[in-house]
Protein backbone atom coordinates (compact mmCIF):
# COMPACT_ATOMS: atom_id res chain seq x y z
CA UNK A 1 40.66 11.21 82.38
CA UNK A 2 37.12 11.85 81.12
CA UNK A 3 36.88 12.93 77.48
CA UNK A 4 34.33 15.18 75.82
CA UNK A 5 35.02 13.24 72.61
CA UNK A 6 33.05 10.30 73.96
CA UNK A 7 30.09 12.59 74.57
CA UNK A 8 30.08 13.93 71.02
CA UNK A 9 30.58 10.45 69.62
CA UNK A 10 27.56 9.23 71.58
CA UNK A 11 25.60 12.28 70.42
CA UNK A 12 26.17 11.27 66.80
CA UNK A 13 24.78 7.83 67.68
CA UNK A 14 21.68 9.38 69.22
CA UNK A 15 21.12 11.62 66.19
CA UNK A 16 21.58 8.76 63.72
CA UNK A 17 19.23 6.44 65.58
CA UNK A 18 16.67 9.23 65.91
CA UNK A 19 16.73 9.67 62.13
CA UNK A 20 16.45 5.91 61.80
CA UNK A 21 13.27 6.05 63.85
CA UNK A 22 12.00 8.76 61.49
CA UNK A 23 12.41 6.39 58.55
CA UNK A 24 10.83 3.49 60.43
CA UNK A 25 7.93 5.66 61.50
CA UNK A 26 7.34 6.77 57.91
CA UNK A 27 7.31 3.15 56.73
CA UNK A 28 4.83 2.12 59.41
CA UNK A 29 2.63 5.16 58.72
CA UNK A 30 2.44 4.14 55.02
CA UNK A 31 1.73 0.47 55.61
CA UNK A 32 -1.69 0.96 53.93
CA UNK A 33 -0.60 3.47 51.27
CA UNK A 34 -1.26 2.21 47.75
CA UNK A 35 1.98 1.10 46.04
CA UNK A 36 4.18 2.63 48.80
CA UNK A 37 7.78 1.46 48.63
CA UNK A 38 9.60 0.64 51.87
CA UNK A 39 12.60 2.84 52.73
CA UNK A 40 15.58 1.92 54.87
CA UNK A 41 18.42 3.95 56.38
CA UNK A 42 22.06 2.91 56.18
CA UNK A 43 24.75 4.03 58.65
CA UNK A 44 28.47 4.65 58.05
CA UNK A 45 31.36 5.40 60.42
CA UNK A 46 32.56 8.95 60.86
CA UNK A 47 36.22 9.77 60.21
CA UNK A 48 38.57 8.38 62.84
CA UNK A 49 41.39 9.95 64.87
CA UNK A 50 44.57 8.12 63.83
CA UNK A 51 47.45 7.58 66.24
CA UNK A 52 49.43 5.37 63.93
CA UNK A 53 48.99 4.07 60.43
CA UNK A 54 50.95 0.92 61.41
CA UNK A 55 54.30 -0.48 60.39
CA UNK A 56 55.33 -3.26 58.03
CA UNK A 57 57.01 -6.43 59.31
CA UNK A 58 60.84 -6.51 59.35
CA UNK A 59 63.51 -9.17 59.75
CA UNK A 60 63.55 -8.94 63.52
CA UNK A 61 60.11 -7.49 64.31
CA UNK A 62 56.56 -8.08 63.29
CA UNK A 63 54.38 -5.36 61.76
CA UNK A 64 51.88 -3.25 63.68
CA UNK A 65 48.31 -2.37 62.72
CA UNK A 66 46.88 1.13 62.51
CA UNK A 67 45.87 2.77 65.75
CA UNK A 68 42.58 4.64 65.31
CA UNK A 69 39.68 5.79 67.43
CA UNK A 70 36.37 6.36 65.72
CA UNK A 71 34.54 9.64 66.23
CA UNK A 72 30.96 8.43 65.83
CA UNK A 73 28.39 7.43 63.22
CA UNK A 74 26.98 9.22 60.21
CA UNK A 75 23.93 8.66 58.00
CA UNK A 76 25.21 7.11 54.75
CA UNK A 77 21.86 7.48 52.99
CA UNK A 78 18.53 5.77 52.38
CA UNK A 79 17.56 2.99 50.00
CA UNK A 80 14.06 2.42 48.64
CA UNK A 81 12.81 -1.12 48.02
CA UNK A 82 11.02 -1.15 44.64
CA UNK A 83 9.94 -4.78 44.77
CA UNK A 84 6.33 -5.34 43.73
CA UNK A 85 3.79 -5.25 46.53
CA UNK A 86 0.84 -7.59 46.81
CA UNK A 87 -1.71 -7.17 43.97
CA UNK A 88 -5.17 -6.70 45.47
CA UNK A 89 -8.30 -7.08 43.30
CA UNK A 90 -10.83 -4.26 43.59
CA UNK A 91 -13.31 -5.18 40.84
CA UNK A 92 -13.19 -1.63 39.45
CA UNK A 93 -11.86 -1.57 35.89
CA UNK A 94 -10.40 1.90 36.41
CA UNK A 95 -7.93 0.56 39.01
CA UNK A 96 -4.64 -0.60 37.50
CA UNK A 97 -1.60 -2.33 38.95
CA UNK A 98 1.81 -3.05 37.44
CA UNK A 99 2.97 -6.60 38.01
CA UNK A 100 6.70 -6.17 37.58
CA UNK A 101 8.93 -3.21 36.81
CA UNK A 102 7.92 0.20 35.54
CA UNK A 103 5.83 3.25 36.36
CA UNK A 104 2.68 4.88 35.04
CA UNK A 105 3.37 8.17 33.31
CA UNK A 106 1.51 11.21 34.67
CA UNK A 107 1.12 14.78 33.53
CA UNK A 108 0.85 17.49 36.19
CA UNK A 109 0.44 20.86 34.53
CA UNK A 110 2.93 20.01 31.78
CA UNK A 111 5.39 18.33 34.14
CA UNK A 112 6.00 14.60 33.69
CA UNK A 113 5.82 12.50 36.85
CA UNK A 114 5.75 8.77 37.53
CA UNK A 115 3.78 6.53 39.89
CA UNK A 116 2.89 2.96 40.66
CA UNK A 117 -0.29 3.88 42.51
CA UNK A 118 -2.98 2.97 39.98
CA UNK A 119 -6.15 4.01 41.81
CA UNK A 120 -7.37 6.01 38.81
CA UNK A 121 -10.72 7.62 38.11
CA UNK A 122 -12.26 9.72 35.31
CA UNK A 123 -12.70 13.48 35.54
CA UNK A 124 -15.45 15.58 33.98
CA UNK A 125 -13.58 15.55 30.65
CA UNK A 126 -13.41 11.69 30.72
CA UNK A 127 -9.62 11.77 31.24
CA UNK A 128 -8.16 9.03 33.43
CA UNK A 129 -6.59 10.80 36.44
CA UNK A 130 -5.07 10.11 39.85
CA UNK A 131 -6.77 11.12 43.09
CA UNK A 132 -4.81 14.40 42.96
CA UNK A 133 -5.86 15.15 39.36
CA UNK A 134 -2.68 14.15 37.52
CA UNK A 135 -3.56 12.86 34.04
CA UNK A 136 -2.54 9.32 33.07
CA UNK A 137 -0.59 9.36 29.81
CA UNK A 138 -0.43 6.90 26.94
CA UNK A 139 -1.09 6.61 23.22
CA UNK A 140 -4.26 7.25 21.23
CA UNK A 141 -5.71 5.50 18.18
CA UNK A 142 -6.33 6.49 14.57
CA UNK A 143 -9.71 6.50 12.84
CA UNK A 144 -9.43 2.73 12.34
CA UNK A 145 -8.76 2.15 16.05
CA UNK A 146 -5.11 1.23 15.64
CA UNK A 147 -2.77 2.43 18.41
CA UNK A 148 -0.49 5.22 17.18
CA UNK A 149 2.81 5.34 19.07
CA UNK A 150 4.58 8.66 19.34
CA UNK A 151 3.54 11.71 21.31
CA UNK A 152 2.04 10.85 24.67
CA UNK A 153 -1.47 12.09 25.29
CA UNK A 154 -3.95 11.93 28.19
CA UNK A 155 -5.93 8.70 28.30
CA UNK A 156 -9.47 9.78 27.45
CA UNK A 157 -12.31 7.27 27.83
CA UNK A 158 -15.50 9.02 26.65
CA UNK A 159 -18.14 6.71 28.12
CA UNK A 160 -21.60 7.55 26.84
CA UNK A 161 -20.33 10.00 24.23
CA UNK A 162 -18.09 8.10 21.80
CA UNK A 163 -20.27 6.57 19.09
CA UNK A 164 -19.28 4.38 16.16
CA UNK A 165 -20.91 2.57 13.28
CA UNK A 166 -19.19 0.21 10.90
CA UNK A 167 -19.92 -0.67 7.30
CA UNK A 168 -20.38 -4.32 6.42
CA UNK A 169 -17.46 -5.87 4.56
CA UNK A 170 -18.11 -9.62 4.78
CA UNK A 171 -21.16 -11.86 4.83
CA UNK A 172 -21.06 -15.66 5.21
CA UNK A 173 -23.79 -17.94 3.86
CA UNK A 174 -24.59 -21.44 4.99
CA UNK A 175 -27.11 -24.08 3.95
CA UNK A 176 -27.85 -26.70 1.33
CA UNK A 177 -29.14 -26.26 -2.20
CA UNK A 178 -31.37 -29.10 -3.38
CA UNK A 179 -29.41 -30.66 -6.22
CA UNK A 180 -32.37 -32.94 -6.94
CA UNK A 181 -34.67 -30.03 -7.74
CA UNK A 182 -36.17 -29.39 -11.15
CA UNK A 183 -34.41 -27.28 -13.73
CA UNK A 184 -36.19 -24.06 -14.75
CA UNK A 185 -38.00 -23.81 -18.05
CA UNK A 186 -39.22 -20.22 -18.03
CA UNK A 187 -39.65 -17.01 -16.13
CA UNK A 188 -42.91 -15.23 -15.32
CA UNK A 189 -44.90 -14.10 -18.38
CA UNK A 190 -47.27 -11.13 -18.07
CA UNK A 191 -49.03 -9.18 -20.82
CA UNK A 192 -49.84 -5.51 -20.33
CA UNK A 193 -52.62 -4.29 -22.64
CA UNK A 194 -55.07 -1.44 -23.02
CA UNK A 195 -58.09 -3.67 -22.50
CA UNK A 196 -58.67 -7.31 -21.75
CA UNK A 197 -58.62 -8.08 -25.50
CA UNK A 198 -56.58 -5.35 -27.19
CA UNK A 199 -53.22 -3.72 -26.83
CA UNK A 200 -52.29 -0.05 -26.94
CA UNK A 201 -52.13 2.09 -30.06
CA UNK A 202 -50.97 5.56 -31.05
CA UNK A 203 -53.35 8.43 -31.82
CA UNK A 204 -53.68 9.73 -35.33
CA UNK A 205 -51.04 12.36 -35.90
CA UNK A 206 -48.60 10.88 -33.41
CA UNK A 207 -45.09 12.26 -33.69
CA UNK A 208 -43.25 10.22 -34.71
CA UNK A 209 -45.91 8.03 -36.31
CA UNK A 210 -45.61 4.22 -36.11
CA UNK A 211 -44.22 2.46 -39.16
CA UNK A 212 -46.35 0.73 -41.73
CA UNK A 213 -48.35 -2.12 -40.20
CA UNK A 214 -47.53 -1.06 -36.65
CA UNK A 215 -49.94 0.38 -34.11
CA UNK A 216 -47.37 1.31 -31.44
CA UNK A 217 -43.57 1.45 -31.26
CA UNK A 218 -40.95 1.89 -28.59
CA UNK A 219 -40.22 5.39 -29.87
CA UNK A 220 -43.86 6.49 -29.54
CA UNK A 221 -44.37 9.20 -26.95
CA UNK A 222 -46.69 8.35 -24.05
CA UNK A 223 -48.72 11.49 -24.68
CA UNK A 224 -49.43 10.05 -28.16
CA UNK A 225 -50.85 6.76 -26.80
CA UNK A 226 -54.60 6.65 -27.38
CA UNK A 227 -57.06 6.01 -24.55
CA UNK A 228 -58.10 2.36 -25.18
CA UNK A 229 -61.54 3.06 -23.72
CA UNK A 230 -62.12 5.72 -26.42
CA UNK A 231 -60.77 4.12 -29.60
CA UNK A 232 -60.57 6.40 -32.63
CA UNK A 233 -61.25 9.52 -30.56
CA UNK A 234 -57.68 10.74 -30.53
CA UNK A 235 -57.90 11.18 -26.75
CA UNK A 236 -54.49 10.48 -25.14
CA UNK A 237 -54.21 7.94 -22.34
CA UNK A 238 -51.42 9.90 -20.65
CA UNK A 239 -51.01 13.63 -20.08
CA UNK A 240 -47.74 15.38 -19.31
CA UNK A 241 -47.41 15.94 -15.55
CA UNK A 242 -49.16 12.74 -14.57
CA UNK A 243 -47.38 9.95 -12.66
CA UNK A 244 -47.43 6.21 -13.29
CA UNK A 245 -47.29 4.37 -9.94
CA UNK A 246 -46.51 0.70 -9.40
CA UNK A 247 -47.58 -0.48 -5.96
CA UNK A 248 -48.44 -3.92 -4.59
CA UNK A 249 -46.55 -5.93 -7.21
CA UNK A 250 -44.88 -9.09 -5.91
CA UNK A 251 -41.79 -11.10 -6.73
CA UNK A 252 -41.53 -14.54 -5.19
CA UNK A 253 -44.39 -13.75 -2.81
CA UNK A 254 -42.77 -10.58 -1.46
CA UNK A 255 -43.93 -7.05 -2.11
CA UNK A 256 -41.78 -4.95 -4.35
CA UNK A 257 -41.12 -1.35 -3.32
CA UNK A 258 -43.31 1.35 -4.87
CA UNK A 259 -41.93 3.00 -8.00
CA UNK A 260 -42.99 6.15 -9.90
CA UNK A 261 -42.49 7.48 -13.40
CA UNK A 262 -43.41 11.09 -14.16
CA UNK A 263 -44.85 11.50 -17.62
CA UNK A 264 -43.23 14.30 -19.59
CA UNK A 265 -44.04 15.53 -23.08
CA UNK A 266 -41.03 13.58 -24.41
CA UNK A 267 -41.40 10.37 -22.37
CA UNK A 268 -41.51 7.37 -24.73
CA UNK A 269 -42.91 3.88 -24.58
CA UNK A 270 -39.31 2.62 -24.35
CA UNK A 271 -38.80 4.67 -21.20
CA UNK A 272 -42.01 3.17 -19.80
CA UNK A 273 -40.69 -0.34 -20.53
CA UNK A 274 -37.33 0.46 -18.93
CA UNK A 275 -39.18 1.80 -15.89
CA UNK A 276 -41.29 -1.35 -15.60
CA UNK A 277 -38.22 -3.59 -15.89
CA UNK A 278 -36.46 -1.71 -13.10
CA UNK A 279 -39.52 -1.47 -10.87
CA UNK A 280 -40.18 -5.22 -11.14
CA UNK A 281 -36.53 -6.03 -10.31
CA UNK A 282 -35.86 -7.95 -13.50
CA UNK A 283 -32.17 -8.70 -14.07
CA UNK A 284 -31.73 -8.23 -17.81
CA UNK A 285 -28.06 -9.20 -17.92
CA UNK A 286 -28.42 -12.97 -17.43
CA UNK A 287 -29.02 -14.00 -21.03
CA UNK A 288 -31.89 -15.92 -22.60
CA UNK A 289 -34.25 -18.06 -20.50
CA UNK A 290 -34.61 -21.79 -21.39
CA UNK A 291 -37.84 -21.01 -23.29
CA UNK A 292 -35.95 -18.63 -25.58
CA UNK A 293 -37.37 -15.44 -24.09
CA UNK A 294 -35.07 -12.69 -22.87
CA UNK A 295 -35.83 -11.27 -19.40
CA UNK A 296 -37.15 -7.72 -19.58
CA UNK A 297 -40.02 -5.83 -21.24
CA UNK A 298 -40.74 -6.10 -24.96
CA UNK A 299 -43.38 -4.69 -27.30
CA UNK A 300 -45.22 -6.23 -30.20
CA UNK A 301 -45.56 -3.21 -32.51
CA UNK A 302 -48.31 -4.86 -34.54
CA UNK A 303 -50.61 -5.45 -31.56
CA UNK A 304 -49.39 -2.85 -29.08
CA UNK A 305 -49.04 -5.50 -26.32
CA UNK A 306 -46.26 -5.05 -23.76
CA UNK A 307 -44.83 -8.40 -22.62
CA UNK A 308 -43.09 -8.83 -19.27
CA UNK A 309 -40.59 -11.71 -19.04
CA UNK A 310 -39.16 -12.37 -15.60
CA UNK A 311 -36.11 -14.30 -14.43
CA UNK A 312 -36.26 -18.05 -13.86
CA UNK A 313 -36.71 -19.66 -10.46
CA UNK A 314 -39.82 -19.74 -8.29
CA UNK A 315 -38.37 -17.05 -6.03
CA UNK A 316 -38.29 -14.72 -9.05
CA UNK A 317 -41.91 -15.29 -10.05
CA UNK A 318 -43.71 -11.99 -10.72
CA UNK A 319 -47.29 -11.17 -9.81
CA UNK A 320 -48.74 -7.95 -11.19
CA UNK A 321 -52.45 -7.15 -11.06
CA UNK A 322 -54.14 -4.41 -13.04
CA UNK A 323 -54.75 -2.51 -9.81
CA UNK A 324 -51.00 -2.47 -9.11
CA UNK A 325 -50.54 -0.07 -12.04
CA UNK A 326 -52.04 3.33 -11.28
CA UNK A 327 -52.16 6.67 -13.03
CA UNK A 328 -52.04 9.71 -10.76
CA UNK A 329 -52.80 13.32 -11.58
CA UNK A 330 -50.22 16.09 -11.25
CA UNK A 331 -51.57 16.69 -7.71
CA UNK A 332 -51.18 13.03 -6.82
CA UNK A 333 -54.84 12.01 -7.04
CA UNK A 334 -55.85 8.65 -8.45
CA UNK A 335 -57.06 8.93 -12.06
CA UNK A 336 -57.41 5.37 -13.34
CA UNK A 337 -55.70 2.04 -13.93
CA UNK A 338 -54.11 2.64 -17.33
CA UNK A 339 -53.14 -0.94 -18.21
CA UNK A 340 -54.67 -4.39 -17.94
CA UNK A 341 -52.26 -7.04 -16.61
CA UNK A 342 -52.78 -10.66 -17.66
CA UNK A 343 -50.69 -13.47 -16.15
CA UNK A 344 -49.63 -15.79 -18.98
CA UNK A 345 -47.22 -17.99 -17.08
CA UNK A 346 -45.33 -18.42 -13.81
CA UNK A 347 -41.60 -18.81 -13.23
CA UNK A 348 -40.42 -22.29 -12.29
CA UNK A 349 -37.19 -24.05 -11.28
CA UNK A 350 -35.58 -25.04 -7.98
CA UNK A 351 -34.62 -21.92 -6.04
CA UNK A 352 -34.27 -20.42 -2.57
CA UNK A 353 -33.95 -16.92 -1.23
CA UNK A 354 -32.62 -15.38 1.96
CA UNK A 355 -32.80 -11.82 3.19
CA UNK A 356 -30.05 -10.22 5.25
CA UNK A 357 -29.32 -6.85 6.79
CA UNK A 358 -25.99 -5.16 6.12
CA UNK A 359 -24.86 -1.72 7.30
CA UNK A 360 -23.41 1.28 5.52
CA UNK A 361 -20.73 3.56 6.98
CA UNK A 362 -23.32 5.52 8.97
CA UNK A 363 -24.76 2.37 10.52
CA UNK A 364 -27.93 2.54 8.42
CA UNK A 365 -29.44 -0.93 7.89
CA UNK A 366 -29.59 -1.97 4.24
CA UNK A 367 -31.77 -4.92 3.23
CA UNK A 368 -30.28 -7.31 0.67
CA UNK A 369 -31.98 -10.32 -0.94
CA UNK A 370 -29.90 -13.19 -2.30
CA UNK A 371 -31.64 -15.84 -4.40
CA UNK A 372 -30.08 -19.06 -5.67
CA UNK A 373 -31.61 -20.70 -8.78
CA UNK A 374 -30.62 -24.06 -10.18
CA UNK A 375 -29.18 -23.34 -13.64
CA UNK A 376 -27.88 -26.69 -14.93
CA UNK A 377 -26.81 -30.23 -14.11
CA UNK A 378 -23.93 -32.15 -15.66
CA UNK A 379 -21.52 -34.98 -15.00
CA UNK A 380 -19.25 -32.41 -13.33
CA UNK A 381 -21.87 -31.33 -10.79
CA UNK A 382 -24.51 -28.64 -10.56
CA UNK A 383 -24.48 -24.98 -11.48
CA UNK A 384 -26.50 -22.34 -9.66
CA UNK A 385 -27.08 -18.69 -10.46
CA UNK A 386 -27.28 -16.14 -7.69
CA UNK A 387 -29.49 -13.07 -7.97
CA UNK A 388 -28.73 -10.27 -5.49
CA UNK A 389 -31.02 -7.28 -5.12
CA UNK A 390 -31.69 -4.48 -2.67
CA UNK A 391 -34.65 -2.16 -2.30
CA UNK A 392 -32.34 0.20 -0.37
CA UNK A 393 -30.09 0.68 -3.39
CA UNK A 394 -30.38 4.40 -4.13
CA UNK A 395 -30.40 4.06 -7.90
CA UNK A 396 -33.57 2.91 -9.63
CA UNK A 397 -32.46 -0.68 -10.32
CA UNK A 398 -33.11 -3.33 -7.66
CA UNK A 399 -30.52 -5.92 -8.88
CA UNK A 400 -27.03 -5.41 -7.43
CA UNK A 401 -25.30 -8.49 -8.80
CA UNK A 402 -25.67 -11.87 -10.47
CA UNK A 403 -23.34 -14.70 -11.39
CA UNK A 404 -22.67 -18.42 -11.47
CA UNK A 405 -21.66 -20.68 -8.57
CA UNK A 406 -20.57 -24.25 -9.29
CA UNK A 407 -20.60 -27.39 -7.13
CA UNK A 408 -18.84 -30.70 -7.80
CA UNK A 409 -20.26 -34.24 -7.90
CA UNK A 410 -20.06 -34.48 -4.09
CA UNK A 411 -22.01 -31.30 -3.60
CA UNK A 412 -18.96 -29.34 -2.51
CA UNK A 413 -18.38 -25.78 -3.59
CA UNK A 414 -16.12 -25.56 -6.62
CA UNK A 415 -16.29 -21.77 -6.98
CA UNK A 416 -14.26 -20.67 -3.98
CA UNK A 417 -13.81 -16.98 -4.73
CA UNK A 418 -16.18 -14.68 -2.80
CA UNK A 419 -18.86 -12.73 -4.62
CA UNK A 420 -18.47 -8.96 -4.61
CA UNK A 421 -21.69 -6.98 -4.26
CA UNK A 422 -22.12 -3.21 -4.48
CA UNK A 423 -25.05 -1.17 -3.15
CA UNK A 424 -25.35 2.46 -4.18
CA UNK A 425 -25.84 4.83 -1.22
CA UNK A 426 -25.73 8.15 -3.06
CA UNK A 427 -27.54 10.97 -1.32
CA UNK A 428 -27.61 9.20 2.06
CA UNK A 429 -24.51 10.83 3.55
CA UNK A 430 -22.79 7.44 3.79
CA UNK A 431 -19.78 6.26 1.84
CA UNK A 432 -20.98 5.15 -1.58
CA UNK A 433 -21.03 2.57 -2.86
CA UNK A 434 -21.33 0.08 -0.02
CA UNK A 435 -19.15 -2.81 -1.18
CA UNK A 436 -19.01 -6.15 0.60
CA UNK A 437 -18.03 -9.74 -0.11
CA UNK A 438 -20.41 -12.70 -0.03
CA UNK A 439 -18.76 -16.00 1.01
CA UNK A 440 -20.33 -19.36 0.17
CA UNK A 441 -17.55 -21.18 2.04
CA UNK A 442 -15.72 -19.69 5.01
CA UNK A 443 -14.62 -21.69 8.05
CA UNK A 444 -17.57 -23.57 9.51
CA UNK A 445 -20.01 -21.74 7.26
CA UNK A 446 -20.52 -23.85 4.14
CA UNK A 447 -23.05 -23.95 1.31
CA UNK A 448 -23.46 -27.40 -0.22
CA UNK A 449 -25.50 -28.76 -3.13
CA UNK A 450 -26.89 -32.14 -2.09
CA UNK A 451 -30.23 -33.74 -2.84
CA UNK A 452 -32.79 -32.79 -0.22
CA UNK A 453 -36.48 -32.16 0.19
CA UNK A 454 -35.94 -28.45 -0.27
CA UNK A 455 -33.23 -25.84 -0.55
CA UNK A 456 -32.22 -23.90 2.54
CA UNK A 457 -29.99 -20.83 2.73
CA UNK A 458 -29.19 -18.37 5.51
CA UNK A 459 -26.70 -15.64 6.32
CA UNK A 460 -24.85 -16.98 9.37
CA UNK A 461 -22.30 -14.20 9.83
CA UNK A 462 -22.14 -10.53 9.00
CA UNK A 463 -19.72 -7.89 10.19
CA UNK A 464 -20.53 -4.20 10.38
CA UNK A 465 -22.87 -2.67 12.91
CA UNK A 466 -25.44 0.07 13.52
CA UNK A 467 -24.78 3.06 15.74
CA UNK A 468 -23.30 2.15 19.11
CA UNK A 469 -22.14 4.19 22.12
CA UNK A 470 -19.17 3.40 24.34
CA UNK A 471 -20.64 1.74 27.40
CA UNK A 472 -17.64 0.21 29.19
CA UNK A 473 -13.96 -0.55 28.96
CA UNK A 474 -11.24 -2.85 30.23
CA UNK A 475 -7.45 -2.66 30.24
CA UNK A 476 -5.45 -5.64 28.98
CA UNK A 477 -2.11 -6.93 30.22
CA UNK A 478 -0.37 -4.98 27.44
CA UNK A 479 -2.04 -1.74 28.53
CA UNK A 480 -4.51 -1.59 25.64
CA UNK A 481 -7.81 -0.02 26.61
CA UNK A 482 -10.59 -1.96 24.91
CA UNK A 483 -13.97 -0.22 24.75
CA UNK A 484 -17.24 -2.12 24.50
CA UNK A 485 -20.04 -0.43 22.58
CA UNK A 486 -23.78 -0.88 22.90
CA UNK A 487 -23.96 -2.36 19.39
CA UNK A 488 -21.76 -5.28 20.44
CA UNK A 489 -18.51 -3.99 18.94
CA UNK A 490 -15.26 -3.90 20.88
CA UNK A 491 -12.51 -1.57 19.77
CA UNK A 492 -9.12 -0.45 21.07
CA UNK A 493 -9.41 3.18 22.21
CA UNK A 494 -5.91 3.70 23.63
CA UNK A 495 -2.89 2.17 25.34
CA UNK A 496 -1.40 3.02 28.71
CA UNK A 497 2.33 3.78 28.57
CA UNK A 498 5.01 2.51 31.00
CA UNK A 499 8.20 4.34 31.97
CA UNK A 500 11.34 2.33 32.72
CA UNK A 501 14.50 3.65 34.40
CA UNK A 502 18.03 2.31 34.58
CA UNK A 503 18.03 3.02 38.33
CA UNK A 504 14.64 3.20 40.03
CA UNK A 505 16.27 4.13 43.35
CA UNK A 506 17.61 7.30 41.74
CA UNK A 507 14.08 8.74 41.42
CA UNK A 508 13.11 11.69 43.59
CA UNK A 509 10.04 11.28 45.81
CA UNK A 510 7.64 14.15 45.07
CA UNK A 511 4.99 13.11 47.57
CA UNK A 512 1.52 11.92 46.71
CA UNK A 513 2.99 8.56 45.64
CA UNK A 514 4.71 10.23 42.67
CA UNK A 515 8.33 10.44 41.59
CA UNK A 516 10.36 12.60 39.26
CA UNK A 517 13.62 11.90 37.47
CA UNK A 518 16.77 12.42 39.51
CA UNK A 519 20.43 12.92 38.59
CA UNK A 520 21.12 9.21 39.13
CA UNK A 521 17.86 7.69 37.82
CA UNK A 522 18.61 7.99 34.14
CA UNK A 523 16.17 9.21 31.51
CA UNK A 524 12.79 7.46 31.22
CA UNK A 525 12.27 4.89 28.49
CA UNK A 526 8.61 5.05 27.44
CA UNK A 527 7.38 1.65 26.24
CA UNK A 528 4.29 -0.53 26.29
CA UNK A 529 3.56 -2.84 29.24
CA UNK A 530 5.30 -6.19 28.88
CA UNK A 531 7.95 -4.82 26.53
CA UNK A 532 11.72 -4.87 27.20
CA UNK A 533 11.34 -6.33 30.68
CA UNK A 534 8.59 -4.00 31.87
CA UNK A 535 5.74 -5.30 34.00
CA UNK A 536 2.28 -6.26 32.83
CA UNK A 537 -0.93 -4.44 33.66
CA UNK A 538 -3.48 -6.02 35.96
CA UNK A 539 -6.87 -4.38 35.49
CA UNK A 540 -9.36 -4.05 38.32
CA UNK A 541 -6.62 -4.23 40.96
CA UNK A 542 -4.15 -2.03 42.86
CA UNK A 543 -0.69 -2.67 44.26
CA UNK A 544 -0.45 -2.61 48.04
CA UNK A 545 2.42 -1.27 50.17
CA UNK A 546 5.45 -3.56 50.38
CA UNK A 547 6.21 -2.57 54.02
CA UNK A 548 7.02 -5.59 56.22
CA UNK A 549 5.68 -4.67 59.66
CA UNK A 550 7.60 -7.44 61.42
CA UNK A 551 10.87 -6.17 60.05
CA UNK A 552 9.94 -2.58 60.94
CA UNK A 553 9.24 -3.51 64.56
CA UNK A 554 12.61 -5.24 64.82
CA UNK A 555 14.33 -2.20 63.34
CA UNK A 556 12.46 0.02 65.77
CA UNK A 557 13.75 -2.05 68.72
CA UNK A 558 17.28 -1.84 67.39
CA UNK A 559 17.05 1.92 66.88
CA UNK A 560 15.61 2.42 70.33
CA UNK A 561 18.35 0.28 71.87
CA UNK A 562 21.04 2.14 69.95
CA UNK A 563 19.61 5.49 71.06
CA UNK A 564 19.48 4.37 74.74
CA UNK A 565 22.99 2.97 74.63
CA UNK A 566 24.37 6.20 73.16
CA UNK A 567 22.64 8.20 75.91
CA UNK A 568 24.24 5.88 78.50
CA UNK A 569 27.68 6.73 77.10
CA UNK A 570 26.97 10.42 77.61
CA UNK A 571 25.85 9.75 81.19
CA UNK A 572 28.98 7.70 81.92
CA UNK A 573 31.25 10.39 80.48
CA UNK A 574 29.44 12.94 82.62
CA UNK A 575 29.98 10.85 85.77
CA UNK A 576 33.69 10.59 85.03
CA UNK A 577 33.93 14.33 84.66
CA UNK A 578 32.19 14.77 87.98
CA UNK A 579 34.70 12.44 89.62
CA UNK A 580 37.52 14.48 88.14
CA UNK A 581 36.04 17.67 89.58
CA UNK A 582 35.80 16.04 93.03
CA UNK A 583 39.52 15.35 92.97
CA UNK A 584 40.16 19.03 92.45
CA UNK A 585 38.33 20.18 95.62
């Protein structure tokens, strides 16, 4: 007898296979979708009609099995294959792929979503976003470009707008100091007088007056110094409001920066001498020269002659002509050359100088001179004195540091500690002072002291940089976003985060290649790429779909066959019912 049960059973087979074709069609349609994950449908039997549950075996009879007739097929569910698809290089640094487990974290209007499709681009605010505008999330950096884990934030890559400058902290020197050079005997000697034959003197009635036998003292006011071209007239050489200008003076063949001293009613000869010492860059803290003279400016009160004593070493030799010393009116007009400079001796001694550029916190270049002068020789080796100076030092003094560096009998550096130098930057807007370390031995950069034809010294390494703008970026395997700046610096500007789930297949597909957490996915664990089993980031590439077309075509044939076979059951049941109706006629 024909049964309608067979028809409904076959109908369940047709429905299930039709849904199977839906899944297959979706897989095939997404064969070129970035990071699409293949889905498959699983079938399960419907409940069965039971005629007997069976019987156990007995002494005289064997047992019987259950008697059941199935009532069709049901859809058990779908399973998504989260295996990694092929990684395809694109050459665009904004494209990212995850090689392994994990998902990119996205923000969509405050809602957290997850994706493996890494075809990212930047929006008008320089945020890294998906094609649908979802922001890629990660961690930012502090003011020293260290990644700060914690609250997720949009990955912002401000190309063309982020600018940085970095202060110099370390400088390496390299070269050889001629240990066979001559030891110094003196520094530069220059006399400053009123005329070619006579020094300066105070006017009658000067306050305070010079002591007995003296014509001029350090305490004498400049406005009480008599004009040497009008002796005995009581006419002052200097008038309050005038300016003494030093311009064109040289040290070691290089021009010294201009310097000015404004003459006030209380300005003394001592203040003039201090001004000259500073303007000429004389380091007065190095002790007595080999000839017994102390570097600086001194006065002979009995003759009124100002004597300039420079530091030793040919690179410290001073050249001052009479025309380099000028007296300007209160309006800045040239009045006269107030002093006559006479060169009495030149500085000698083996020496070398190098000039380097360092940078303050604003990226402003600061010029620093470092001179090395042979100080002594002994059975233990040679001793050299360094003289560091900077015309960009914002205080009046040019010297910024001096000290001793020792070398052993083989010319190797014995003083291994770096030299600390400080440049004042007050009033520039930069961090002041600019402090950096000078290394005479660091890695491959070495200063030696061996006999040679001449001394040679150069700055071979310097950190710090001028102003630079973010010009490009790349993402490393650990998700760190490294920005390259136009000044040659590279700095970390963020890190892409990865979300891991206990059960990836429990995620809910939200469309647009995104997922959200589901009841069976577990909560996301936000970590860095490559951590705790998560995948690594491949920059300049995307993950392709993992759909296997060959397998899909086979599944499509099987679904089509199953659908046709189920329809044949319905047709057969219909024919049997027709035969039954014929018997009733």
